[in-house]
Amino acid sequence: MKAYIAAVSSYLPENTLTNEDLALEFPSWSVDKIFSKTGIHTRHICHADQTISEMSVAAAESLISEHAIDKSTIDYVLLCTQSPDYFLPTTACLVQSELGLSTSCGALDFNLGCSGYVYGLSLAKGLIETGQASNILLITSEAYSKHIAAGDKSVRTLFGDAATATLIKGKESSHDLIGPFVFGTDGNGGDNLIVPDGGSKNPITDASSVLTEDTSGNVRASKNLYMNGAEILLFTMKTVPSSVDTLLEKANLNKDDIDYVIFHQANKFMLDKLRSKTGFSEERFLTSYERYGNTVSSTIPLGIKKAIAEQKFKAGDRILLVGFGVGYSWAGTIIEW
């Protein structure tokens, strides 16, 4: 049995944050300037009281409805998020209950950001191909808006909220339909994309809400998301192209054997540089950040769903996926459609 992606669906919050909205809040940045810097038109933002489990359930219910999936056949839930409902219990357990899945279903959360979808595919592949599970629900559900300060335009212009649900099944095949994989980790870069306060190392105190302004005019507190964009760019340019080369070598393929490429959708500037450095044509290099922004672990499956809607993929196509970012963490794989 070989694992493969059987279906992909998504949930996008109704609220949107447009460049026009942001320009009203930050008059020094015009609509055109925001778009030229990010390539993003619109971001979906969840309600303040909306939870990750609610978004996860909405994405999963869309998947089940759109693809006529029998809930009783789902035997494992993998949930990737960096905004869980609680420190404990596990959000995946709450999702199992809300969806009415069998109590014999496995469920776990894993906290990874922009590389999380590829890591999730590797976990699902291992579970299926070792006979531990047959029908896996891989959910990505992210709400960075909950971590972002209202006055921090450096990240408010980039990030959006979204959840996706992917059904991963097994079938007989003479070759892998997901894989091989490459992984990478460098925790030395952890401080460059971080929410400093709120965990066990730096618990929330009164000081956690004190706002300060940086030299670029961004206002945030230590309970909010901080991103060092320059360092993230340097990390990305160093690791992603070499990871692509390693992955292709591991798969015994060259770039001409790849039909489409979907990278983590960070922003236009970064992706343009990556496309140039990796040498893929615009036709094969798929993007979706324009409508969603950076939705962290949800960007790659949103890109897959968009490509399906546009009828780009045909049976046998090879699609190269690479996620990279917070951690630092990165991962790549090749899927066969």
C-alpha atoms as a PDB file:
ATOM      1  CA  MET A   1       0.000   0.000   0.000  1.00  0.00           C
ATOM      2  CA  LYS A   2       1.228   3.462  -0.920  1.00  0.00           C
ATOM      3  CA  ALA A   3      -0.149   6.675   0.596  1.00  0.00           C
ATOM      4  CA  TYR A   4      -1.656   9.282  -1.722  1.00  0.00           C
ATOM      5  CA  ILE A   5      -3.644  12.522  -1.490  1.00  0.00           C
ATOM      6  CA  ALA A   6      -7.281  11.675  -2.211  1.00  0.00           C
ATOM      7  CA  ALA A   7      -8.966  15.053  -1.608  1.00  0.00           C
ATOM      8  CA  VAL A   8      -8.325  18.598  -0.332  1.00  0.00           C
ATOM      9  CA  SER A   9     -10.784  21.168   1.045  1.00  0.00           C
ATOM     10  CA  SER A  10     -10.522  24.387   3.032  1.00  0.00           C
ATOM     11  CA  TYR A  11     -12.201  26.897   5.288  1.00  0.00           C
ATOM     12  CA  LEU A  12     -11.637  30.648   5.029  1.00  0.00           C
ATOM     13  CA  PRO A  13     -13.073  33.031   7.660  1.00  0.00           C
ATOM     14  CA  GLU A  14     -15.696  35.448   6.345  1.00  0.00           C
ATOM     15  CA  ASN A  15     -13.901  38.550   7.618  1.00  0.00           C
ATOM     16  CA  THR A  16     -11.352  39.983   5.213  1.00  0.00           C
ATOM     17  CA  LEU A  17      -8.553  42.494   5.584  1.00  0.00           C
ATOM     18  CA  THR A  18      -7.822  44.308   2.326  1.00  0.00           C
ATOM     19  CA  ASN A  19      -4.991  46.616   1.357  1.00  0.00           C
ATOM     20  CA  GLU A  20      -7.516  49.466   1.397  1.00  0.00           C
ATOM     21  CA  ASP A  21      -8.318  48.643   5.042  1.00  0.00           C
ATOM     22  CA  LEU A  22      -4.635  48.608   5.955  1.00  0.00           C
ATOM     23  CA  ALA A  23      -3.905  51.865   4.116  1.00  0.00           C
ATOM     24  CA  LEU A  24      -6.573  53.607   6.198  1.00  0.00           C
ATOM     25  CA  GLU A  25      -4.893  52.399   9.400  1.00  0.00           C
ATOM     26  CA  PHE A  26      -1.341  53.125   8.208  1.00  0.00           C
ATOM     27  CA  PRO A  27      -1.510  56.270   6.017  1.00  0.00           C
ATOM     28  CA  SER A  28       2.227  56.161   5.289  1.00  0.00           C
ATOM     29  CA  TRP A  29       1.660  52.932   3.350  1.00  0.00           C
ATOM     30  CA  SER A  30      -0.562  53.302   0.290  1.00  0.00           C
ATOM     31  CA  VAL A  31      -2.537  50.471  -1.296  1.00  0.00           C
ATOM     32  CA  ASP A  32       0.011  50.294  -4.101  1.00  0.00           C
ATOM     33  CA  LYS A  33       2.942  50.213  -1.682  1.00  0.00           C
ATOM     34  CA  ILE A  34       1.423  47.364   0.329  1.00  0.00           C
ATOM     35  CA  PHE A  35       0.797  45.334  -2.818  1.00  0.00           C
ATOM     36  CA  SER A  36       4.239  46.023  -4.279  1.00  0.00           C
ATOM     37  CA  LYS A  37       5.886  44.851  -1.045  1.00  0.00           C
ATOM     38  CA  THR A  38       3.744  41.744  -0.501  1.00  0.00           C
ATOM     39  CA  GLY A  39       1.870  40.822  -3.673  1.00  0.00           C
ATOM     40  CA  ILE A  40      -1.176  40.278  -1.466  1.00  0.00           C
ATOM     41  CA  HIS A  41      -4.606  41.811  -2.119  1.00  0.00           C
ATOM     42  CA  THR A  42      -6.706  40.228   0.641  1.00  0.00           C
ATOM     43  CA  ARG A  43      -6.320  38.210   3.865  1.00  0.00           C
ATOM     44  CA  HIS A  44      -9.059  36.295   5.674  1.00  0.00           C
ATOM     45  CA  ILE A  45      -9.144  37.009   9.432  1.00  0.00           C
ATOM     46  CA  CYS A  46     -11.069  34.942  11.961  1.00  0.00           C
ATOM     47  CA  HIS A  47     -13.383  36.450  14.564  1.00  0.00           C
ATOM     48  CA  ALA A  48     -11.751  37.197  17.923  1.00  0.00           C
ATOM     49  CA  ASP A  49     -13.784  34.460  19.620  1.00  0.00           C
ATOM     50  CA  GLN A  50     -13.387  31.905  16.814  1.00  0.00           C
ATOM     51  CA  THR A  51     -11.266  28.899  17.764  1.00  0.00           C
ATOM     52  CA  ILE A  52      -8.843  26.669  15.914  1.00  0.00           C
ATOM     53  CA  SER A  53     -11.097  23.682  16.568  1.00  0.00           C
ATOM     54  CA  GLU A  54     -14.042  25.517  14.974  1.00  0.00           C
ATOM     55  CA  MET A  55     -11.997  26.351  11.892  1.00  0.00           C
ATOM     56  CA  SER A  56     -10.677  22.776  11.738  1.00  0.00           C
ATOM     57  CA  VAL A  57     -14.155  21.298  11.944  1.00  0.00           C
ATOM     58  CA  ALA A  58     -15.408  23.658   9.224  1.00  0.00           C
ATOM     59  CA  ALA A  59     -12.595  22.588   6.858  1.00  0.00           C
ATOM     60  CA  ALA A  60     -13.145  18.906   7.660  1.00  0.00           C
ATOM     61  CA  GLU A  61     -16.908  19.154   7.154  1.00  0.00           C
ATOM     62  CA  SER A  62     -16.316  20.776   3.762  1.00  0.00           C
ATOM     63  CA  LEU A  63     -14.033  17.890   2.825  1.00  0.00           C
ATOM     64  CA  ILE A  64     -16.540  15.281   3.992  1.00  0.00           C
ATOM     65  CA  SER A  65     -19.432  16.981   2.201  1.00  0.00           C
ATOM     66  CA  GLU A  66     -17.657  17.863  -1.040  1.00  0.00           C
ATOM     67  CA  HIS A  67     -16.187  14.397  -1.483  1.00  0.00           C
ATOM     68  CA  ALA A  68     -18.951  12.223   0.051  1.00  0.00           C
ATOM     69  CA  ILE A  69     -16.633  10.738   2.672  1.00  0.00           C
ATOM     70  CA  ASP A  70     -17.988   8.236   5.166  1.00  0.00           C
ATOM     71  CA  LYS A  71     -16.940   9.617   8.569  1.00  0.00           C
ATOM     72  CA  SER A  72     -16.764   6.115  10.025  1.00  0.00           C
ATOM     73  CA  THR A  73     -13.822   5.296   7.733  1.00  0.00           C
ATOM     74  CA  ILE A  74     -11.574   8.057   9.136  1.00  0.00           C
ATOM     75  CA  ASP A  75      -9.216   6.377  11.581  1.00  0.00           C
ATOM     76  CA  TYR A  76      -6.641   9.089  12.349  1.00  0.00           C
ATOM     77  CA  VAL A  77      -6.600  12.885  12.724  1.00  0.00           C
ATOM     78  CA  LEU A  78      -3.370  14.854  12.377  1.00  0.00           C
ATOM     79  CA  LEU A  79      -3.789  18.534  13.284  1.00  0.00           C
ATOM     80  CA  CYS A  80      -1.065  21.080  12.579  1.00  0.00           C
ATOM     81  CA  THR A  81      -1.489  24.418  14.373  1.00  0.00           C
ATOM     82  CA  GLN A  82       0.445  27.056  16.292  1.00  0.00           C
ATOM     83  CA  SER A  83      -2.696  28.529  17.870  1.00  0.00           C
ATOM     84  CA  PRO A  84      -4.286  25.584  19.739  1.00  0.00           C
ATOM     85  CA  ASP A  85      -7.509  26.030  21.702  1.00  0.00           C
ATOM     86  CA  TYR A  86      -5.698  25.138  24.942  1.00  0.00           C
ATOM     87  CA  PHE A  87      -2.293  24.117  26.192  1.00  0.00           C
ATOM     88  CA  LEU A  88      -4.207  20.954  27.001  1.00  0.00           C
ATOM     89  CA  PRO A  89      -6.305  19.060  26.028  1.00  0.00           C
ATOM     90  CA  THR A  90      -5.110  18.324  22.513  1.00  0.00           C
ATOM     91  CA  THR A  91      -7.153  20.242  19.940  1.00  0.00           C
ATOM     92  CA  ALA A  92      -7.287  17.185  17.643  1.00  0.00           C
ATOM     93  CA  CYS A  93      -9.215  15.367  20.369  1.00  0.00           C
ATOM     94  CA  LEU A  94     -11.809  18.142  20.438  1.00  0.00           C
ATOM     95  CA  VAL A  95     -12.068  17.993  16.650  1.00  0.00           C
ATOM     96  CA  GLN A  96     -12.641  14.222  16.779  1.00  0.00           C
ATOM     97  CA  SER A  97     -15.557  14.770  19.133  1.00  0.00           C
ATOM     98  CA  GLU A  98     -17.061  17.707  17.220  1.00  0.00           C
ATOM     99  CA  LEU A  99     -16.924  15.774  13.945  1.00  0.00           C
ATOM    100  CA  GLY A 100     -18.483  12.701  15.526  1.00  0.00           C
ATOM    101  CA  LEU A 101     -15.619  10.437  14.507  1.00  0.00           C
ATOM    102  CA  SER A 102     -15.180   6.987  15.991  1.00  0.00           C
ATOM    103  CA  THR A 103     -13.571   6.760  19.437  1.00  0.00           C
ATOM    104  CA  SER A 104     -11.203   4.187  17.917  1.00  0.00           C
ATOM    105  CA  CYS A 105      -9.756   7.048  15.836  1.00  0.00           C
ATOM    106  CA  GLY A 106      -6.230   8.232  16.633  1.00  0.00           C
ATOM    107  CA  ALA A 107      -5.711  11.980  17.034  1.00  0.00           C
ATOM    108  CA  LEU A 108      -2.748  14.241  17.717  1.00  0.00           C
ATOM    109  CA  ASP A 109      -1.598  17.852  17.361  1.00  0.00           C
ATOM    110  CA  PHE A 110       1.789  18.856  16.070  1.00  0.00           C
ATOM    111  CA  ASN A 111       3.155  22.378  16.437  1.00  0.00           C
ATOM    112  CA  LEU A 112       4.955  23.314  13.244  1.00  0.00           C
ATOM    113  CA  GLY A 113       4.408  26.360  11.128  1.00  0.00           C
ATOM    114  CA  CYS A 114       5.223  26.864   7.470  1.00  0.00           C
ATOM    115  CA  SER A 115       6.794  23.411   6.988  1.00  0.00           C
ATOM    116  CA  GLY A 116       3.917  21.685   8.786  1.00  0.00           C
ATOM    117  CA  TYR A 117       1.939  20.396   5.802  1.00  0.00           C
ATOM    118  CA  VAL A 118       4.915  18.513   4.372  1.00  0.00           C
ATOM    119  CA  TYR A 119       5.723  17.097   7.813  1.00  0.00           C
ATOM    120  CA  GLY A 120       2.061  16.055   8.058  1.00  0.00           C
ATOM    121  CA  LEU A 121       2.293  14.211   4.753  1.00  0.00           C
ATOM    122  CA  SER A 122       5.336  12.335   6.045  1.00  0.00           C
ATOM    123  CA  LEU A 123       3.503  11.323   9.233  1.00  0.00           C
ATOM    124  CA  ALA A 124       0.469  10.190   7.248  1.00  0.00           C
ATOM    125  CA  LYS A 125       2.625   8.215   4.815  1.00  0.00           C
ATOM    126  CA  GLY A 126       4.322   6.422   7.706  1.00  0.00           C
ATOM    127  CA  LEU A 127       1.024   5.558   9.385  1.00  0.00           C
ATOM    128  CA  ILE A 128      -0.544   4.225   6.196  1.00  0.00           C
ATOM    129  CA  GLU A 129       2.406   2.343   4.763  1.00  0.00           C
ATOM    130  CA  THR A 130       3.088   0.558   8.062  1.00  0.00           C
ATOM    131  CA  GLY A 131      -0.545  -0.506   8.310  1.00  0.00           C
ATOM    132  CA  GLN A 132      -1.385   1.631  11.359  1.00  0.00           C
ATOM    133  CA  ALA A 133      -4.138   3.645   9.638  1.00  0.00           C
ATOM    134  CA  SER A 134      -6.091   3.617   6.378  1.00  0.00           C
ATOM    135  CA  ASN A 135      -7.884   6.972   6.047  1.00  0.00           C
ATOM    136  CA  ILE A 136      -6.121   9.947   7.577  1.00  0.00           C
ATOM    137  CA  LEU A 137      -7.550  13.420   8.019  1.00  0.00           C
ATOM    138  CA  LEU A 138      -4.652  15.898   7.873  1.00  0.00           C
ATOM    139  CA  ILE A 139      -5.804  19.319   9.080  1.00  0.00           C
ATOM    140  CA  THR A 140      -3.889  22.588   9.052  1.00  0.00           C
ATOM    141  CA  SER A 141      -5.557  25.357  11.047  1.00  0.00           C
ATOM    142  CA  GLU A 142      -3.835  28.664  11.660  1.00  0.00           C
ATOM    143  CA  ALA A 143      -4.911  31.971  13.193  1.00  0.00           C
ATOM    144  CA  TYR A 144      -1.796  34.124  13.493  1.00  0.00           C
ATOM    145  CA  SER A 145      -4.118  37.121  13.758  1.00  0.00           C
ATOM    146  CA  LYS A 146      -4.576  36.125  17.406  1.00  0.00           C
ATOM    147  CA  HIS A 147      -0.855  36.748  17.981  1.00  0.00           C
ATOM    148  CA  ILE A 148      -0.459  39.952  15.948  1.00  0.00           C
ATOM    149  CA  ALA A 149      -0.548  43.435  17.455  1.00  0.00           C
ATOM    150  CA  ALA A 150      -2.909  45.875  15.728  1.00  0.00           C
ATOM    151  CA  GLY A 151      -0.094  48.404  15.292  1.00  0.00           C
ATOM    152  CA  ASP A 152       2.426  46.045  13.707  1.00  0.00           C
ATOM    153  CA  LYS A 153       2.115  46.636   9.972  1.00  0.00           C
ATOM    154  CA  SER A 154       5.193  44.507   9.241  1.00  0.00           C
ATOM    155  CA  VAL A 155       3.203  41.322   9.917  1.00  0.00           C
ATOM    156  CA  ARG A 156      -0.410  42.487   9.568  1.00  0.00           C
ATOM    157  CA  THR A 157       0.203  43.071   5.861  1.00  0.00           C
ATOM    158  CA  LEU A 158       1.448  39.489   5.407  1.00  0.00           C
ATOM    159  CA  PHE A 159      -0.512  36.979   7.473  1.00  0.00           C
ATOM    160  CA  GLY A 160      -4.015  35.599   7.037  1.00  0.00           C
ATOM    161  CA  ASP A 161      -6.037  32.881   8.769  1.00  0.00           C
ATOM    162  CA  ALA A 162      -7.215  29.639   7.178  1.00  0.00           C
ATOM    163  CA  ALA A 163      -7.831  25.950   7.760  1.00  0.00           C
ATOM    164  CA  THR A 164      -7.496  23.073   5.317  1.00  0.00           C
ATOM    165  CA  ALA A 165      -8.393  19.395   5.409  1.00  0.00           C
ATOM    166  CA  THR A 166      -6.691  16.707   3.329  1.00  0.00           C
ATOM    167  CA  LEU A 167      -7.770  13.070   3.049  1.00  0.00           C
ATOM    168  CA  ILE A 168      -4.809  10.734   2.699  1.00  0.00           C
ATOM    169  CA  LYS A 169      -5.507   7.121   1.798  1.00  0.00           C
ATOM    170  CA  GLY A 170      -3.571   4.068   0.666  1.00  0.00           C
ATOM    171  CA  LYS A 171      -3.719   2.061  -2.538  1.00  0.00           C
ATOM    172  CA  GLU A 172      -1.630  -0.545  -4.285  1.00  0.00           C
ATOM    173  CA  SER A 173       1.158   0.973  -6.349  1.00  0.00           C
ATOM    174  CA  SER A 174       4.534  -0.168  -7.652  1.00  0.00           C
ATOM    175  CA  HIS A 175       6.110   3.148  -6.624  1.00  0.00           C
ATOM    176  CA  ASP A 176       5.728   5.942  -4.062  1.00  0.00           C
ATOM    177  CA  LEU A 177       2.920   8.462  -4.635  1.00  0.00           C
ATOM    178  CA  ILE A 178       4.155  10.693  -1.792  1.00  0.00           C
ATOM    179  CA  GLY A 179       7.897  11.028  -1.274  1.00  0.00           C
ATOM    180  CA  PRO A 180      10.801  10.977  -0.941  1.00  0.00           C
ATOM    181  CA  PHE A 181      11.264  13.642   1.721  1.00  0.00           C
ATOM    182  CA  VAL A 182      13.963  16.035   2.852  1.00  0.00           C
ATOM    183  CA  PHE A 183      13.864  17.714   6.266  1.00  0.00           C
ATOM    184  CA  GLY A 184      15.817  20.422   8.017  1.00  0.00           C
ATOM    185  CA  THR A 185      15.904  22.152  11.391  1.00  0.00           C
ATOM    186  CA  ASP A 186      17.961  25.010  12.822  1.00  0.00           C
ATOM    187  CA  GLY A 187      16.624  26.110  16.192  1.00  0.00           C
ATOM    188  CA  ASN A 188      19.275  28.837  16.351  1.00  0.00           C
ATOM    189  CA  GLY A 189      16.880  30.890  14.225  1.00  0.00           C
ATOM    190  CA  GLY A 190      13.943  30.466  16.584  1.00  0.00           C
ATOM    191  CA  ASP A 191      14.114  34.025  17.893  1.00  0.00           C
ATOM    192  CA  ASN A 192      13.592  35.490  14.417  1.00  0.00           C
ATOM    193  CA  LEU A 193       9.938  34.429  14.192  1.00  0.00           C
ATOM    194  CA  ILE A 194       8.504  34.110  17.665  1.00  0.00           C
ATOM    195  CA  VAL A 195       5.786  34.956  20.164  1.00  0.00           C
ATOM    196  CA  PRO A 196       8.111  35.622  23.138  1.00  0.00           C
ATOM    197  CA  ASP A 197       5.599  35.447  26.013  1.00  0.00           C
ATOM    198  CA  GLY A 198       2.859  32.975  26.795  1.00  0.00           C
ATOM    199  CA  GLY A 199       4.631  29.637  27.155  1.00  0.00           C
ATOM    200  CA  SER A 200       6.291  28.053  30.173  1.00  0.00           C
ATOM    201  CA  LYS A 201       9.598  29.882  29.618  1.00  0.00           C
ATOM    202  CA  ASN A 202       8.068  33.365  29.658  1.00  0.00           C
ATOM    203  CA  PRO A 203       4.572  33.200  31.195  1.00  0.00           C
ATOM    204  CA  ILE A 204       2.169  36.080  30.629  1.00  0.00           C
ATOM    205  CA  THR A 205       2.598  38.953  33.104  1.00  0.00           C
ATOM    206  CA  ASP A 206       1.406  42.556  33.154  1.00  0.00           C
ATOM    207  CA  ALA A 207       4.581  43.474  31.290  1.00  0.00           C
ATOM    208  CA  SER A 208       3.601  41.160  28.427  1.00  0.00           C
ATOM    209  CA  SER A 209       0.993  43.678  27.244  1.00  0.00           C
ATOM    210  CA  VAL A 210       3.222  46.767  27.326  1.00  0.00           C
ATOM    211  CA  LEU A 211       3.469  48.153  23.789  1.00  0.00           C
ATOM    212  CA  THR A 212       6.764  49.386  22.362  1.00  0.00           C
ATOM    213  CA  GLU A 213       7.607  50.899  18.983  1.00  0.00           C
ATOM    214  CA  ASP A 214      10.541  49.700  16.897  1.00  0.00           C
ATOM    215  CA  THR A 215      12.695  51.809  14.570  1.00  0.00           C
ATOM    216  CA  SER A 216      10.351  51.068  11.642  1.00  0.00           C
ATOM    217  CA  GLY A 217       7.290  52.328  13.489  1.00  0.00           C
ATOM    218  CA  ASN A 218       5.813  48.903  14.242  1.00  0.00           C
ATOM    219  CA  VAL A 219       4.079  48.707  17.617  1.00  0.00           C
ATOM    220  CA  ARG A 220       3.882  45.404  19.495  1.00  0.00           C
ATOM    221  CA  ALA A 221       4.165  43.811  22.953  1.00  0.00           C
ATOM    222  CA  SER A 222       6.079  40.729  24.036  1.00  0.00           C
ATOM    223  CA  LYS A 223       2.897  38.628  23.909  1.00  0.00           C
ATOM    224  CA  ASN A 224       2.658  39.394  20.177  1.00  0.00           C
ATOM    225  CA  LEU A 225       4.265  37.898  17.095  1.00  0.00           C
ATOM    226  CA  TYR A 226       7.692  39.237  16.181  1.00  0.00           C
ATOM    227  CA  MET A 227       9.367  38.596  12.829  1.00  0.00           C
ATOM    228  CA  ASN A 228      12.855  39.560  11.694  1.00  0.00           C
ATOM    229  CA  GLY A 229      12.107  39.664   7.986  1.00  0.00           C
ATOM    230  CA  ALA A 230      15.698  40.189   6.844  1.00  0.00           C
ATOM    231  CA  GLU A 231      16.963  37.146   8.712  1.00  0.00           C
ATOM    232  CA  ILE A 232      14.053  35.000   7.520  1.00  0.00           C
ATOM    233  CA  LEU A 233      14.876  35.955   3.924  1.00  0.00           C
ATOM    234  CA  LEU A 234      18.557  35.054   4.357  1.00  0.00           C
ATOM    235  CA  PHE A 235      17.619  31.690   5.879  1.00  0.00           C
ATOM    236  CA  THR A 236      15.176  30.949   3.071  1.00  0.00           C
ATOM    237  CA  MET A 237      17.598  31.783   0.265  1.00  0.00           C
ATOM    238  CA  LYS A 238      20.252  29.608   1.872  1.00  0.00           C
ATOM    239  CA  THR A 239      18.191  26.512   2.617  1.00  0.00           C
ATOM    240  CA  VAL A 240      15.385  26.176   0.057  1.00  0.00           C
ATOM    241  CA  PRO A 241      17.350  25.982  -3.235  1.00  0.00           C
ATOM    242  CA  SER A 242      19.780  23.425  -1.799  1.00  0.00           C
ATOM    243  CA  SER A 243      16.867  21.422  -0.368  1.00  0.00           C
ATOM    244  CA  VAL A 244      15.245  21.310  -3.808  1.00  0.00           C
ATOM    245  CA  ASP A 245      18.491  19.984  -5.304  1.00  0.00           C
ATOM    246  CA  THR A 246      18.806  17.363  -2.554  1.00  0.00           C
ATOM    247  CA  LEU A 247      15.203  16.272  -2.990  1.00  0.00           C
ATOM    248  CA  LEU A 248      15.537  15.875  -6.758  1.00  0.00           C
ATOM    249  CA  GLU A 249      18.739  13.892  -6.318  1.00  0.00           C
ATOM    250  CA  LYS A 250      17.056  11.669  -3.732  1.00  0.00           C
ATOM    251  CA  ALA A 251      14.148  11.057  -6.136  1.00  0.00           C
ATOM    252  CA  ASN A 252      16.532  10.463  -9.075  1.00  0.00           C
ATOM    253  CA  LEU A 253      14.761  13.219 -11.004  1.00  0.00           C
ATOM    254  CA  ASN A 254      15.746  16.501 -12.611  1.00  0.00           C
ATOM    255  CA  LYS A 255      13.817  19.768 -12.771  1.00  0.00           C
ATOM    256  CA  ASP A 256      12.349  18.938 -16.176  1.00  0.00           C
ATOM    257  CA  ASP A 257      10.640  15.905 -14.601  1.00  0.00           C
ATOM    258  CA  ILE A 258       8.623  18.177 -12.285  1.00  0.00           C
ATOM    259  CA  ASP A 259       5.279  19.353 -13.649  1.00  0.00           C
ATOM    260  CA  TYR A 260       4.421  21.885 -10.923  1.00  0.00           C
ATOM    261  CA  VAL A 261       6.023  23.476  -7.881  1.00  0.00           C
ATOM    262  CA  ILE A 262       4.194  24.769  -4.794  1.00  0.00           C
ATOM    263  CA  PHE A 263       6.349  26.490  -2.195  1.00  0.00           C
ATOM    264  CA  HIS A 264       5.139  27.895   1.099  1.00  0.00           C
ATOM    265  CA  GLN A 265       3.398  31.146   0.145  1.00  0.00           C
ATOM    266  CA  ALA A 266       5.339  33.653   2.238  1.00  0.00           C
ATOM    267  CA  ASN A 267       5.072  36.740   0.012  1.00  0.00           C
ATOM    268  CA  LYS A 268       5.689  37.777  -3.588  1.00  0.00           C
ATOM    269  CA  PHE A 269       9.172  39.195  -3.027  1.00  0.00           C
ATOM    270  CA  MET A 270      10.496  36.012  -1.441  1.00  0.00           C
ATOM    271  CA  LEU A 271       8.823  33.694  -3.932  1.00  0.00           C
ATOM    272  CA  ASP A 272      10.056  35.677  -6.935  1.00  0.00           C
ATOM    273  CA  LYS A 273      13.610  35.360  -5.637  1.00  0.00           C
ATOM    274  CA  LEU A 274      13.156  31.642  -4.961  1.00  0.00           C
ATOM    275  CA  ARG A 275      11.736  30.977  -8.416  1.00  0.00           C
ATOM    276  CA  SER A 276      14.671  32.789 -10.005  1.00  0.00           C
ATOM    277  CA  LYS A 277      17.203  30.950  -7.857  1.00  0.00           C
ATOM    278  CA  THR A 278      15.673  27.488  -8.356  1.00  0.00           C
ATOM    279  CA  GLY A 279      15.161  27.937 -12.092  1.00  0.00           C
ATOM    280  CA  PHE A 280      11.518  26.881 -12.430  1.00  0.00           C
ATOM    281  CA  SER A 281       9.369  28.538 -15.105  1.00  0.00           C
ATOM    282  CA  GLU A 282       6.461  30.780 -14.154  1.00  0.00           C
ATOM    283  CA  GLU A 283       4.021  28.305 -15.712  1.00  0.00           C
ATOM    284  CA  ARG A 284       5.095  25.539 -13.346  1.00  0.00           C
ATOM    285  CA  PHE A 285       5.572  27.742 -10.269  1.00  0.00           C
ATOM    286  CA  LEU A 286       2.112  28.015  -8.718  1.00  0.00           C
ATOM    287  CA  THR A 287       1.122  30.828  -6.350  1.00  0.00           C
ATOM    288  CA  SER A 288      -1.940  31.588  -4.226  1.00  0.00           C
ATOM    289  CA  TYR A 289      -0.750  34.292  -1.786  1.00  0.00           C
ATOM    290  CA  GLU A 290      -2.622  37.033  -3.653  1.00  0.00           C
ATOM    291  CA  ARG A 291      -6.017  36.041  -2.228  1.00  0.00           C
ATOM    292  CA  TYR A 292      -5.010  34.581   1.137  1.00  0.00           C
ATOM    293  CA  GLY A 293      -1.726  36.038   2.336  1.00  0.00           C
ATOM    294  CA  ASN A 294       0.651  33.906   4.372  1.00  0.00           C
ATOM    295  CA  THR A 295      -1.551  31.328   6.111  1.00  0.00           C
ATOM    296  CA  VAL A 296       1.414  29.437   7.598  1.00  0.00           C
ATOM    297  CA  SER A 297       0.895  25.633   7.379  1.00  0.00           C
ATOM    298  CA  SER A 298      -2.236  26.138   5.264  1.00  0.00           C
ATOM    299  CA  THR A 299      -0.510  27.799   2.286  1.00  0.00           C
ATOM    300  CA  ILE A 300       0.563  24.641   0.439  1.00  0.00           C
ATOM    301  CA  PRO A 301      -2.799  22.818   0.650  1.00  0.00           C
ATOM    302  CA  LEU A 302      -4.582  26.048  -0.338  1.00  0.00           C
ATOM    303  CA  GLY A 303      -2.283  26.124  -3.364  1.00  0.00           C
ATOM    304  CA  ILE A 304      -3.140  22.516  -4.181  1.00  0.00           C
ATOM    305  CA  LYS A 305      -6.866  23.241  -3.862  1.00  0.00           C
ATOM    306  CA  LYS A 306      -6.566  26.307  -6.123  1.00  0.00           C
ATOM    307  CA  ALA A 307      -4.738  24.260  -8.749  1.00  0.00           C
ATOM    308  CA  ILE A 308      -7.426  21.564  -8.598  1.00  0.00           C
ATOM    309  CA  ALA A 309     -10.140  24.196  -9.077  1.00  0.00           C
ATOM    310  CA  GLU A 310      -8.244  25.527 -12.095  1.00  0.00           C
ATOM    311  CA  GLN A 311      -7.929  21.948 -13.459  1.00  0.00           C
ATOM    312  CA  LYS A 312      -4.155  22.192 -13.705  1.00  0.00           C
ATOM    313  CA  PHE A 313      -3.270  18.726 -12.451  1.00  0.00           C
ATOM    314  CA  LYS A 314      -3.659  15.551 -14.497  1.00  0.00           C
ATOM    315  CA  ALA A 315      -3.037  11.966 -13.454  1.00  0.00           C
ATOM    316  CA  GLY A 316       0.660  11.198 -13.181  1.00  0.00           C
ATOM    317  CA  ASP A 317       1.801  14.806 -12.696  1.00  0.00           C
ATOM    318  CA  ARG A 318       4.694  15.246 -10.295  1.00  0.00           C
ATOM    319  CA  ILE A 319       4.298  18.188  -7.915  1.00  0.00           C
ATOM    320  CA  LEU A 320       7.209  19.388  -5.788  1.00  0.00           C
ATOM    321  CA  LEU A 321       6.255  20.844  -2.397  1.00  0.00           C
ATOM    322  CA  VAL A 322       8.540  22.795  -0.044  1.00  0.00           C
ATOM    323  CA  GLY A 323       7.608  24.385   3.280  1.00  0.00           C
ATOM    324  CA  PHE A 324       9.983  26.630   5.243  1.00  0.00           C
ATOM    325  CA  GLY A 325       9.950  29.167   8.044  1.00  0.00           C
ATOM    326  CA  VAL A 326       9.342  29.419  11.784  1.00  0.00           C
ATOM    327  CA  GLY A 327      11.589  27.162  13.809  1.00  0.00           C
ATOM    328  CA  TYR A 328      13.706  27.390  11.688  1.00  0.00           C
ATOM    329  CA  SER A 329      12.112  24.357  10.071  1.00  0.00           C
ATOM    330  CA  TRP A 330      11.914  23.216   6.469  1.00  0.00           C
ATOM    331  CA  ALA A 331      10.767  20.160   4.524  1.00  0.00           C
ATOM    332  CA  GLY A 332      10.184  19.095   0.948  1.00  0.00           C
ATOM    333  CA  THR A 333       8.569  16.231  -0.907  1.00  0.00           C
ATOM    334  CA  ILE A 334       7.252  15.201  -4.317  1.00  0.00           C
ATOM    335  CA  ILE A 335       3.708  13.943  -4.795  1.00  0.00           C
ATOM    336  CA  GLU A 336       2.289  12.123  -7.813  1.00  0.00           C
ATOM    337  CA  TRP A 337      -1.226  13.154  -8.729  1.00  0.00           C
END
